[in-house]
Amino acid sequence: MASDHHDAEEAETTSTLVWFRRDLRVADNLALSEAIGAGGSVTALFVLDDEAGERPMGAAQRVWLHHSLEALAGALRKLDVQLVLKRGNMQCAISDAIEALGARHVFWNRIYEPSLIKIDDAMVDDLGKRGIAVRQFDGQLLHEPGAVTTGKDEPYRVYTPFWRALERLGEPRAPLDPPEKAKRKAKSIKSDDLSDWALLPRRPDWSKSILAEWSPGEAGAHERLDDFIEGPFVDYDDARDFPDREGTSRLSPHLAFGEITPYQIWEATKRRPKTVGNNARTTFRKEVGWREFAYHLLVHNPKLATRNFNSRFDDFPWSSNKTAFNAWKAGRTGYPIVDAGMRQLWQTGWMHNRVRMVCASFLTKHLLLHWREGERWFWDTLVDADPASNAAQWQWVAGSGADAAPYFRIFNPVIQGEKFDPQGDYVRQFVPELEKLGNRFIHKPWDAADDILDAAGIKLGETYPKPIVDHQTARQRALTAYDKIKDDA
């Protein structure tokens, strides 16, 4: 009994440092809840370390990070927890904060980039030698990557059996409510000023169009989740493929920053049981499962963003046409569905998933440009850029990845446009120079007669580009290139 009393007394006088990373929230945050629950004072720390991890954060995500940190600081203040910001080496920043606070405990939630896992392991070892207690918690994924293996105790390479294995693990844990206020207020320590990090663009300030589309932060994440569950969720199984309507959750950037957890999303899918069929619920949960699969792949293949998962593609005869690449980036390929997607990406920091596949297929198969080029561009321009999902999806489309679409599956951008944007509303929104063109030609303006183009105010090659490649010619070229590595294999 005396020992228990001593432990409780020590907890109430102990300072705990909670290290934030991709968990910018207060609800369902195990590290924060456990730290506050211990009874001592709590200080939060976020470190911007561009040298840690595989590569620095992209420009679009820096905009999001700025606003998400502002929101987090406000939420933590209500809990009597200071958010300390530091830029530089994360080990040094944590060490300095521990010294300034006299902290005896450091808590954090795990993340799963292989290079960052190594840093975490080194930190645990170093802090342990210094007598600092470390506790790590889950929160980014429903299940630890190592928990899902084949019967031979090997990592899965195909999604469907991976998903079945996930299902066999049973229901995920219930999400946690936000914690109560900290029982003791920690002494304030020096923090960087967020504005000094210059995360926001200035000349020009292209972030305004992104912020018109999104509300970074935990509150924005839950508003987005509620809107989805009460709206598009009911038709998700069918509507998710159509970029001309609000058929998806758009939760991906909030997940990427940990403003919401997969546990909270999973729990929310249990709502509306009378109006949501099993197909919609299962299909949506499988998208959450695909994100888990992507991290499963990354943990077992640390170079997923730079190295072909299927080594046969190491000898693929990729092109290096910079003019074509620049046309693709700018949404000036002459294929309306591709151009709409690339412009949506530039304007909003996001692109509909069906269109992502079409744009990625066009780059890798119509233009024969390496998937790594596209992956890097998406990394810089997506607000939901994720080290696992981004790389896994690009390799899936290119044919070089796990459980990949076969390389010879080449999307016809005209057919994709006509099927998934049948009224042309999506194209007209992001390619306004075509807005007066009728539905018959909106996805293939080159087929329209001159008088129809004139009436729509379109001059191909001037107001809107002619196709930079012919679909049939490009398709045959891609198949010929694929035959080369197939024959060599």
Protein backbone atom coordinates (compact mmCIF):
# COMPACT_ATOMS: atom_id res chain seq x y z
CA MET A 1 0.00 0.00 0.00
CA ALA A 2 2.84 2.39 0.87
CA SER A 3 4.42 1.70 -2.53
CA ASP A 4 1.12 2.42 -4.34
CA HIS A 5 0.76 5.69 -2.45
CA HIS A 6 4.33 6.67 -3.36
CA ASP A 7 3.71 5.85 -7.06
CA ALA A 8 0.53 7.94 -7.13
CA GLU A 9 2.28 10.82 -5.38
CA GLU A 10 5.17 10.65 -7.84
CA ALA A 11 2.78 10.61 -10.84
CA GLU A 12 1.09 13.76 -9.58
CA THR A 13 4.38 15.65 -9.46
CA THR A 14 5.90 14.18 -12.62
CA SER A 15 6.22 16.12 -15.86
CA THR A 16 5.37 14.19 -19.02
CA LEU A 17 6.33 15.21 -22.54
CA VAL A 18 3.94 14.10 -25.31
CA TRP A 19 5.61 14.08 -28.72
CA PHE A 20 3.17 14.81 -31.55
CA ARG A 21 3.74 13.81 -35.16
CA ARG A 22 0.98 12.52 -37.44
CA ASP A 23 -1.56 12.63 -34.62
CA LEU A 24 -2.65 16.27 -34.53
CA ARG A 25 -5.77 15.71 -32.39
CA VAL A 26 -6.86 15.46 -28.77
CA ALA A 27 -9.65 12.82 -29.08
CA ASP A 28 -8.65 9.16 -29.46
CA ASN A 29 -5.06 10.13 -28.73
CA LEU A 30 -3.75 7.44 -26.43
CA ALA A 31 -0.42 9.13 -25.71
CA LEU A 32 -2.13 12.36 -24.64
CA SER A 33 -4.92 10.66 -22.67
CA GLU A 34 -2.50 8.40 -20.79
CA ALA A 35 -0.21 11.33 -20.01
CA ILE A 36 -3.04 13.45 -18.62
CA GLY A 37 -4.52 10.45 -16.83
CA ALA A 38 -1.26 9.90 -14.95
CA GLY A 39 -2.00 13.05 -12.97
CA GLY A 40 1.15 15.08 -13.46
CA SER A 41 1.82 18.08 -15.69
CA VAL A 42 1.83 17.57 -19.47
CA THR A 43 3.60 19.42 -22.28
CA ALA A 44 3.11 18.72 -25.97
CA LEU A 45 5.95 18.97 -28.50
CA PHE A 46 5.89 19.07 -32.29
CA VAL A 47 9.21 18.99 -34.17
CA LEU A 48 9.59 19.95 -37.83
CA ASP A 49 12.64 17.95 -38.91
CA ASP A 50 13.13 17.99 -42.67
CA GLU A 51 16.12 15.67 -42.40
CA ALA A 52 14.18 12.83 -40.76
CA GLY A 53 12.24 10.36 -42.86
CA GLU A 54 12.67 9.57 -46.53
CA ARG A 55 12.01 13.16 -47.74
CA PRO A 56 10.68 16.52 -46.59
CA MET A 57 6.97 17.28 -46.54
CA GLY A 58 5.57 18.61 -49.82
CA ALA A 59 4.46 22.21 -50.35
CA ALA A 60 0.71 21.53 -50.19
CA GLN A 61 1.04 19.62 -46.93
CA ARG A 62 3.07 22.44 -45.38
CA VAL A 63 0.08 24.71 -45.88
CA TRP A 64 -2.14 22.15 -44.18
CA LEU A 65 0.36 21.63 -41.36
CA HIS A 66 0.41 25.35 -40.52
CA HIS A 67 -3.35 25.49 -40.02
CA SER A 68 -3.57 22.09 -38.33
CA LEU A 69 -0.96 23.11 -35.75
CA GLU A 70 -2.88 26.32 -35.05
CA ALA A 71 -6.02 24.26 -34.42
CA LEU A 72 -4.14 21.75 -32.23
CA ALA A 73 -2.56 24.50 -30.11
CA GLY A 74 -6.02 25.92 -29.40
CA ALA A 75 -7.45 22.53 -28.46
CA LEU A 76 -4.52 21.76 -26.15
CA ARG A 77 -4.79 25.15 -24.42
CA LYS A 78 -8.28 24.18 -23.30
CA LEU A 79 -6.67 21.16 -21.61
CA ASP A 80 -4.01 23.34 -19.93
CA VAL A 81 -1.35 21.79 -22.17
CA GLN A 82 1.21 23.95 -23.99
CA LEU A 83 2.13 23.03 -27.57
CA VAL A 84 5.84 23.66 -28.01
CA LEU A 85 7.11 24.00 -31.58
CA LYS A 86 10.72 23.29 -32.52
CA ARG A 87 12.42 23.09 -35.89
CA GLY A 88 15.52 20.97 -36.41
CA ASN A 89 16.82 17.60 -35.29
CA MET A 90 14.04 15.76 -33.46
CA GLN A 91 16.34 13.93 -31.03
CA CYS A 92 17.94 17.22 -29.99
CA ALA A 93 14.57 18.97 -29.67
CA ILE A 94 13.19 16.20 -27.46
CA SER A 95 16.32 16.17 -25.33
CA ASP A 96 16.18 19.96 -24.88
CA ALA A 97 12.49 19.84 -23.93
CA ILE A 98 13.10 17.07 -21.39
CA GLU A 99 15.87 19.13 -19.78
CA ALA A 100 13.82 22.35 -19.74
CA LEU A 101 10.84 20.61 -18.16
CA GLY A 102 12.65 18.17 -15.94
CA ALA A 103 10.41 15.56 -17.59
CA ARG A 104 10.54 11.97 -16.36
CA HIS A 105 8.27 10.47 -19.02
CA VAL A 106 7.99 10.76 -22.82
CA PHE A 107 4.90 9.41 -24.55
CA TRP A 108 4.19 9.20 -28.28
CA ASN A 109 1.99 7.42 -30.82
CA ARG A 110 3.71 5.10 -33.27
CA ILE A 111 4.12 5.83 -36.97
CA TYR A 112 5.29 3.38 -39.60
CA GLU A 113 7.78 4.92 -42.01
CA PRO A 114 10.73 2.52 -41.80
CA SER A 115 13.35 5.26 -41.40
CA LEU A 116 11.30 6.86 -38.61
CA ILE A 117 10.81 3.51 -36.89
CA LYS A 118 14.62 3.35 -36.64
CA ILE A 119 14.68 6.81 -35.06
CA ASP A 120 12.00 5.76 -32.58
CA ASP A 121 13.96 2.65 -31.62
CA ALA A 122 17.13 4.67 -31.13
CA MET A 123 15.21 7.20 -29.03
CA VAL A 124 13.77 4.50 -26.79
CA ASP A 125 17.26 3.12 -26.23
CA ASP A 126 18.82 6.53 -25.53
CA LEU A 127 16.07 7.76 -23.21
CA GLY A 128 16.05 4.47 -21.34
CA LYS A 129 19.77 4.83 -20.60
CA ARG A 130 19.04 8.28 -19.18
CA GLY A 131 16.34 6.96 -16.89
CA ILE A 132 13.48 8.48 -18.86
CA ALA A 133 10.39 6.28 -19.09
CA VAL A 134 9.04 5.89 -22.64
CA ARG A 135 5.61 4.65 -23.64
CA GLN A 136 4.40 4.19 -27.22
CA PHE A 137 0.79 3.75 -28.35
CA ASP A 138 -1.26 2.87 -31.41
CA GLY A 139 -3.56 5.19 -33.32
CA GLN A 140 -2.39 5.55 -36.92
CA LEU A 141 -3.54 2.09 -38.05
CA LEU A 142 -6.23 -0.34 -36.94
CA HIS A 143 -3.60 -3.07 -36.52
CA GLU A 144 0.17 -3.10 -36.25
CA PRO A 145 1.73 -4.06 -39.63
CA GLY A 146 3.41 -7.09 -38.10
CA ALA A 147 0.08 -8.43 -36.81
CA VAL A 148 -1.13 -9.43 -40.28
CA THR A 149 0.88 -12.22 -41.90
CA THR A 150 0.22 -15.24 -44.10
CA GLY A 151 0.04 -18.80 -42.83
CA LYS A 152 3.77 -19.02 -43.59
CA ASP A 153 4.37 -15.95 -41.37
CA GLU A 154 5.24 -13.84 -44.43
CA PRO A 155 3.88 -10.44 -45.48
CA TYR A 156 0.92 -10.41 -47.84
CA ARG A 157 1.47 -9.38 -51.46
CA VAL A 158 -2.20 -9.45 -52.54
CA TYR A 159 -4.89 -7.24 -51.03
CA THR A 160 -7.92 -9.56 -50.93
CA PRO A 161 -6.38 -12.21 -48.64
CA PHE A 162 -4.88 -9.36 -46.57
CA TRP A 163 -8.37 -7.91 -46.10
CA ARG A 164 -9.74 -11.32 -45.09
CA ALA A 165 -6.95 -11.63 -42.53
CA LEU A 166 -7.86 -8.18 -41.18
CA GLU A 167 -11.47 -9.28 -40.81
CA ARG A 168 -10.40 -12.36 -38.86
CA LEU A 169 -8.71 -10.11 -36.29
CA GLY A 170 -12.16 -8.92 -35.25
CA GLU A 171 -13.56 -5.49 -34.45
CA PRO A 172 -11.02 -2.74 -33.75
CA ARG A 173 -10.96 -1.12 -30.32
CA ALA A 174 -13.45 1.65 -29.58
CA PRO A 175 -12.13 5.21 -29.99
CA LEU A 176 -11.42 7.32 -26.92
CA ASP A 177 -13.19 10.54 -25.99
CA PRO A 178 -11.07 13.68 -25.49
CA PRO A 179 -9.28 13.74 -22.12
CA GLU A 180 -10.18 16.03 -19.22
CA LYS A 181 -7.97 18.99 -18.36
CA ALA A 182 -4.49 18.26 -17.05
CA LYS A 183 -4.54 18.16 -13.23
CA ARG A 184 -1.41 20.30 -13.00
CA LYS A 185 -0.20 22.98 -15.36
CA ALA A 186 3.36 22.56 -16.59
CA LYS A 187 5.78 25.44 -16.55
CA SER A 188 5.89 27.22 -19.88
CA ILE A 189 8.99 26.67 -22.00
CA LYS A 190 10.29 28.48 -25.09
CA SER A 191 8.63 27.63 -28.39
CA ASP A 192 9.26 28.64 -31.99
CA ASP A 193 6.75 31.00 -33.55
CA LEU A 194 4.78 29.11 -36.19
CA SER A 195 4.92 32.05 -38.60
CA ASP A 196 8.74 31.89 -38.54
CA TRP A 197 8.57 28.44 -40.16
CA ALA A 198 7.25 30.09 -43.36
CA LEU A 199 5.06 27.10 -44.23
CA LEU A 200 2.64 29.29 -46.18
CA PRO A 201 3.45 30.50 -49.71
CA ARG A 202 3.71 34.25 -50.17
CA ARG A 203 4.45 35.34 -53.73
CA PRO A 204 2.14 34.18 -55.09
CA ASP A 205 -0.10 32.88 -52.31
CA TRP A 206 -1.57 29.84 -54.07
CA SER A 207 -2.87 28.41 -50.79
CA LYS A 208 -6.15 30.37 -50.88
CA SER A 209 -7.76 28.00 -53.38
CA ILE A 210 -6.77 25.04 -51.16
CA LEU A 211 -8.19 26.62 -48.02
CA ALA A 212 -11.43 27.43 -49.86
CA GLU A 213 -11.87 23.66 -50.22
CA TRP A 214 -10.71 22.40 -46.82
CA SER A 215 -10.85 23.02 -43.06
CA PRO A 216 -7.59 21.65 -41.63
CA GLY A 217 -7.72 20.51 -38.01
CA GLU A 218 -9.56 18.02 -35.82
CA ALA A 219 -12.87 19.91 -35.87
CA GLY A 220 -12.79 20.06 -39.67
CA ALA A 221 -12.08 16.33 -39.79
CA HIS A 222 -15.12 15.44 -37.71
CA GLU A 223 -17.34 17.84 -39.61
CA ARG A 224 -16.21 16.14 -42.82
CA LEU A 225 -16.86 12.68 -41.32
CA ASP A 226 -20.35 13.64 -40.11
CA ASP A 227 -21.26 15.16 -43.47
CA PHE A 228 -20.13 11.99 -45.21
CA ILE A 229 -21.92 9.56 -42.91
CA GLU A 230 -25.14 11.55 -43.09
CA GLY A 231 -24.86 12.03 -46.84
CA PRO A 232 -22.80 10.22 -49.53
CA PHE A 233 -22.11 7.16 -47.36
CA VAL A 234 -25.50 5.66 -48.19
CA ASP A 235 -24.61 5.48 -51.91
CA TYR A 236 -20.85 5.00 -51.52
CA ASP A 237 -20.70 1.67 -53.33
CA ASP A 238 -21.91 3.28 -56.57
CA ALA A 239 -21.19 7.00 -56.22
CA ARG A 240 -17.51 6.80 -55.24
CA ASP A 241 -16.37 6.41 -58.87
CA PHE A 242 -18.02 9.58 -60.19
CA PRO A 243 -15.93 12.76 -59.87
CA ASP A 244 -18.87 14.94 -60.93
CA ARG A 245 -20.62 14.37 -57.59
CA GLU A 246 -19.84 14.35 -53.86
CA GLY A 247 -19.58 10.60 -53.52
CA THR A 248 -16.42 10.10 -51.43
CA SER A 249 -15.49 10.90 -47.83
CA ARG A 250 -12.58 13.29 -48.55
CA LEU A 251 -11.13 12.26 -45.21
CA SER A 252 -7.71 11.35 -46.60
CA PRO A 253 -5.85 14.58 -45.68
CA HIS A 254 -7.31 14.49 -42.16
CA LEU A 255 -6.12 10.88 -41.84
CA ALA A 256 -2.69 11.78 -43.22
CA PHE A 257 -2.21 14.31 -40.40
CA GLY A 258 -3.86 12.17 -37.76
CA GLU A 259 -6.62 14.71 -37.11
CA ILE A 260 -8.93 11.73 -37.09
CA THR A 261 -8.19 8.05 -36.56
CA PRO A 262 -9.24 4.93 -38.47
CA TYR A 263 -10.85 3.78 -35.20
CA GLN A 264 -13.14 6.81 -35.20
CA ILE A 265 -14.00 6.33 -38.87
CA TRP A 266 -14.68 2.62 -38.40
CA GLU A 267 -16.97 3.36 -35.47
CA ALA A 268 -18.84 6.00 -37.49
CA THR A 269 -19.66 3.46 -40.22
CA LYS A 270 -21.93 1.71 -37.70
CA ARG A 271 -24.35 4.64 -37.87
CA ARG A 272 -27.48 4.67 -40.04
CA PRO A 273 -27.89 0.88 -40.07
CA LYS A 274 -31.39 1.03 -41.60
CA THR A 275 -30.45 3.14 -44.59
CA VAL A 276 -26.93 1.99 -45.42
CA GLY A 277 -26.61 -1.38 -47.09
CA ASN A 278 -23.78 -3.77 -46.32
CA ASN A 279 -22.23 -3.10 -49.73
CA ALA A 280 -21.66 0.60 -49.00
CA ARG A 281 -20.29 -0.09 -45.52
CA THR A 282 -18.04 -2.94 -46.63
CA THR A 283 -16.76 -1.09 -49.70
CA PHE A 284 -15.86 1.95 -47.61
CA ARG A 285 -14.21 -0.12 -44.90
CA LYS A 286 -12.17 -1.84 -47.60
CA GLU A 287 -10.78 1.58 -48.54
CA VAL A 288 -9.65 1.95 -44.94
CA GLY A 289 -8.20 -1.54 -45.30
CA TRP A 290 -6.31 -0.56 -48.45
CA ARG A 291 -4.55 2.17 -46.44
CA GLU A 292 -3.56 -0.52 -43.91
CA PHE A 293 -2.28 -2.70 -46.78
CA ALA A 294 -0.18 0.19 -48.12
CA TYR A 295 1.57 0.56 -44.75
CA HIS A 296 1.97 -3.21 -44.57
CA LEU A 297 3.80 -2.99 -47.92
CA LEU A 298 5.91 0.00 -46.86
CA VAL A 299 7.08 -1.56 -43.60
CA HIS A 300 8.26 -4.66 -45.46
CA ASN A 301 9.54 -2.68 -48.48
CA PRO A 302 11.12 0.55 -47.17
CA LYS A 303 12.01 1.80 -50.68
CA LEU A 304 8.45 1.54 -51.97
CA ALA A 305 8.49 5.14 -53.25
CA THR A 306 11.68 4.73 -55.25
CA ARG A 307 12.14 1.04 -56.12
CA ASN A 308 9.92 -1.22 -58.21
CA PHE A 309 8.12 -3.72 -56.02
CA ASN A 310 8.26 -6.05 -59.04
CA SER A 311 11.92 -6.04 -60.08
CA ARG A 312 10.98 -7.07 -63.62
CA PHE A 313 10.12 -3.39 -64.21
CA ASP A 314 13.74 -2.40 -63.50
CA ASP A 315 14.39 -2.98 -67.21
CA PHE A 316 11.28 -1.23 -68.50
CA PRO A 317 12.15 1.24 -71.32
CA TRP A 318 10.75 4.42 -69.76
CA SER A 319 10.84 7.67 -71.72
CA SER A 320 12.17 11.02 -70.48
CA ASN A 321 10.06 13.53 -72.42
CA LYS A 322 10.08 16.71 -70.30
CA THR A 323 7.69 18.53 -72.63
CA ALA A 324 5.10 15.77 -72.21
CA PHE A 325 5.66 15.66 -68.45
CA ASN A 326 5.14 19.42 -68.14
CA ALA A 327 1.95 19.20 -70.22
CA TRP A 328 0.67 16.48 -67.90
CA LYS A 329 1.50 18.50 -64.76
CA ALA A 330 -0.24 21.59 -66.12
CA GLY A 331 -3.37 19.78 -67.30
CA ARG A 332 -2.61 20.52 -70.96
CA THR A 333 -2.60 17.03 -72.48
CA GLY A 334 -5.64 17.59 -74.72
CA TYR A 335 -7.56 14.82 -72.95
CA PRO A 336 -10.25 16.60 -70.91
CA ILE A 337 -10.66 14.08 -68.05
CA VAL A 338 -6.88 14.00 -67.51
CA ASP A 339 -6.59 17.78 -67.68
CA ALA A 340 -9.51 18.26 -65.29
CA GLY A 341 -7.86 15.96 -62.75
CA MET A 342 -4.46 17.61 -62.93
CA ARG A 343 -6.01 21.06 -62.58
CA GLN A 344 -8.18 19.94 -59.67
CA LEU A 345 -4.97 18.73 -58.00
CA TRP A 346 -3.20 22.06 -58.53
CA GLN A 347 -6.15 24.17 -57.41
CA THR A 348 -7.40 22.16 -54.44
CA GLY A 349 -4.51 19.92 -53.37
CA TRP A 350 -6.66 16.85 -53.99
CA MET A 351 -7.92 14.71 -56.84
CA HIS A 352 -10.79 12.26 -57.06
CA ASN A 353 -9.49 8.69 -56.77
CA ARG A 354 -10.98 7.43 -60.05
CA VAL A 355 -9.32 10.33 -61.86
CA ARG A 356 -6.03 9.68 -60.04
CA MET A 357 -5.99 6.26 -61.66
CA VAL A 358 -6.75 7.72 -65.09
CA CYS A 359 -4.06 10.40 -64.76
CA ALA A 360 -1.48 7.93 -63.44
CA SER A 361 -2.26 5.46 -66.23
CA PHE A 362 -1.92 8.25 -68.80
CA LEU A 363 1.51 9.25 -67.49
CA THR A 364 2.94 5.74 -67.26
CA LYS A 365 1.30 4.18 -70.30
CA HIS A 366 0.34 6.87 -72.80
CA LEU A 367 3.49 8.91 -72.16
CA LEU A 368 5.77 6.06 -70.98
CA LEU A 369 7.06 8.28 -68.17
CA HIS A 370 8.31 6.63 -64.99
CA TRP A 371 5.81 6.27 -62.16
CA ARG A 372 8.39 7.82 -59.81
CA GLU A 373 8.02 11.15 -61.65
CA GLY A 374 4.29 11.16 -61.05
CA GLU A 375 4.64 9.98 -57.46
CA ARG A 376 7.01 12.87 -56.70
CA TRP A 377 4.64 15.41 -58.26
CA PHE A 378 1.72 14.07 -56.23
CA TRP A 379 3.88 14.13 -53.10
CA ASP A 380 4.46 17.86 -53.54
CA THR A 381 0.92 18.85 -54.57
CA LEU A 382 -1.44 16.57 -52.59
CA VAL A 383 -2.71 17.66 -49.18
CA ASP A 384 -3.25 13.95 -48.45
CA ALA A 385 0.23 12.83 -49.58
CA ASP A 386 0.97 9.71 -47.59
CA PRO A 387 4.30 7.85 -47.69
CA ALA A 388 2.59 4.46 -47.99
CA SER A 389 -0.59 5.07 -50.00
CA ASN A 390 0.96 7.43 -52.54
CA ALA A 391 3.74 5.01 -53.47
CA ALA A 392 1.53 1.90 -53.35
CA GLN A 393 -1.14 3.44 -55.58
CA TRP A 394 1.35 4.67 -58.18
CA GLN A 395 3.01 1.27 -58.37
CA TRP A 396 -0.41 -0.40 -58.54
CA VAL A 397 -1.40 1.64 -61.61
CA ALA A 398 2.01 1.32 -63.25
CA GLY A 399 1.85 -2.48 -62.96
CA SER A 400 5.07 -2.71 -60.93
CA GLY A 401 3.46 -2.97 -57.50
CA ALA A 402 1.87 -5.53 -55.21
CA ASP A 403 -1.45 -6.92 -56.41
CA ALA A 404 -1.04 -4.49 -59.30
CA ALA A 405 -3.33 -3.78 -62.19
CA PRO A 406 -1.66 -5.56 -65.12
CA TYR A 407 0.43 -3.21 -67.24
CA PHE A 408 -1.62 -4.05 -70.32
CA ARG A 409 -4.72 -2.61 -68.62
CA ILE A 410 -4.53 0.81 -70.24
CA PHE A 411 -7.31 3.26 -69.44
CA ASN A 412 -8.87 4.93 -72.46
CA PRO A 413 -9.31 8.50 -71.17
CA VAL A 414 -12.24 9.18 -73.48
CA ILE A 415 -14.19 6.12 -72.34
CA GLN A 416 -13.31 6.81 -68.70
CA GLY A 417 -14.60 10.36 -69.07
CA GLU A 418 -17.81 9.33 -70.80
CA LYS A 419 -18.49 6.60 -68.24
CA PHE A 420 -17.70 8.47 -65.02
CA ASP A 421 -18.40 12.09 -66.01
CA PRO A 422 -21.30 11.47 -68.41
CA GLN A 423 -22.65 15.04 -68.36
CA GLY A 424 -19.17 16.58 -68.45
CA ASP A 425 -19.80 18.56 -65.25
CA TYR A 426 -16.42 17.67 -63.75
CA VAL A 427 -14.54 18.64 -66.91
CA ARG A 428 -16.45 21.92 -67.24
CA GLN A 429 -15.63 22.82 -63.63
CA PHE A 430 -11.87 22.48 -64.04
CA VAL A 431 -11.43 23.02 -67.79
CA PRO A 432 -13.62 26.10 -68.27
CA GLU A 433 -12.42 26.68 -71.85
CA LEU A 434 -14.59 23.68 -72.79
CA GLU A 435 -17.67 24.66 -70.76
CA LYS A 436 -19.80 25.56 -73.81
CA LEU A 437 -19.11 22.28 -75.61
CA GLY A 438 -22.00 19.79 -75.61
CA ASN A 439 -21.95 16.43 -73.86
CA ARG A 440 -21.32 14.50 -77.07
CA PHE A 441 -17.87 16.02 -77.57
CA ILE A 442 -16.88 17.20 -74.08
CA HIS A 443 -14.48 14.25 -73.66
CA LYS A 444 -13.24 14.25 -77.29
CA PRO A 445 -13.32 17.83 -78.61
CA TRP A 446 -11.11 16.89 -81.58
CA ASP A 447 -14.04 14.92 -83.02
CA ALA A 448 -16.32 17.97 -83.09
CA ALA A 449 -16.91 19.75 -86.40
CA ASP A 450 -15.45 23.21 -86.86
CA ASP A 451 -18.82 24.94 -86.58
CA ILE A 452 -19.50 23.22 -83.25
CA LEU A 453 -16.08 24.27 -81.94
CA ASP A 454 -16.60 27.81 -83.21
CA ALA A 455 -19.98 28.03 -81.47
CA ALA A 456 -18.31 26.90 -78.22
CA GLY A 457 -15.50 29.44 -78.63
CA ILE A 458 -12.84 26.72 -78.95
CA LYS A 459 -9.81 26.76 -81.22
CA LEU A 460 -7.93 23.49 -80.83
CA GLY A 461 -4.24 24.13 -80.51
CA GLU A 462 -4.91 27.66 -79.25
CA THR A 463 -7.61 27.94 -76.58
CA TYR A 464 -7.33 24.23 -75.75
CA PRO A 465 -4.53 21.86 -76.80
CA LYS A 466 -4.83 19.09 -79.31
CA PRO A 467 -4.05 15.64 -77.82
CA ILE A 468 -0.32 15.35 -77.20
CA VAL A 469 -0.49 11.65 -78.13
CA ASP A 470 -2.93 9.52 -80.11
CA HIS A 471 -4.59 6.97 -77.83
CA GLN A 472 -4.29 3.94 -80.11
CA THR A 473 -0.70 4.74 -81.07
CA ALA A 474 0.29 5.29 -77.44
CA ARG A 475 -1.47 2.12 -76.35
CA GLN A 476 0.37 0.01 -78.89
CA ARG A 477 3.69 1.61 -77.96
CA ALA A 478 3.07 0.78 -74.29
CA LEU A 479 2.17 -2.82 -75.06
CA THR A 480 5.30 -3.20 -77.19
CA ALA A 481 7.42 -1.85 -74.33
CA TYR A 482 5.75 -4.24 -71.91
CA ASP A 483 6.37 -7.19 -74.27
CA LYS A 484 10.09 -6.43 -74.04
CA ILE A 485 10.32 -6.99 -70.28
CA LYS A 486 7.83 -9.86 -70.49
CA ASP A 487 9.97 -11.64 -73.08
CA ASP A 488 13.18 -10.92 -71.16
CA ALA A 489 11.61 -12.40 -68.04
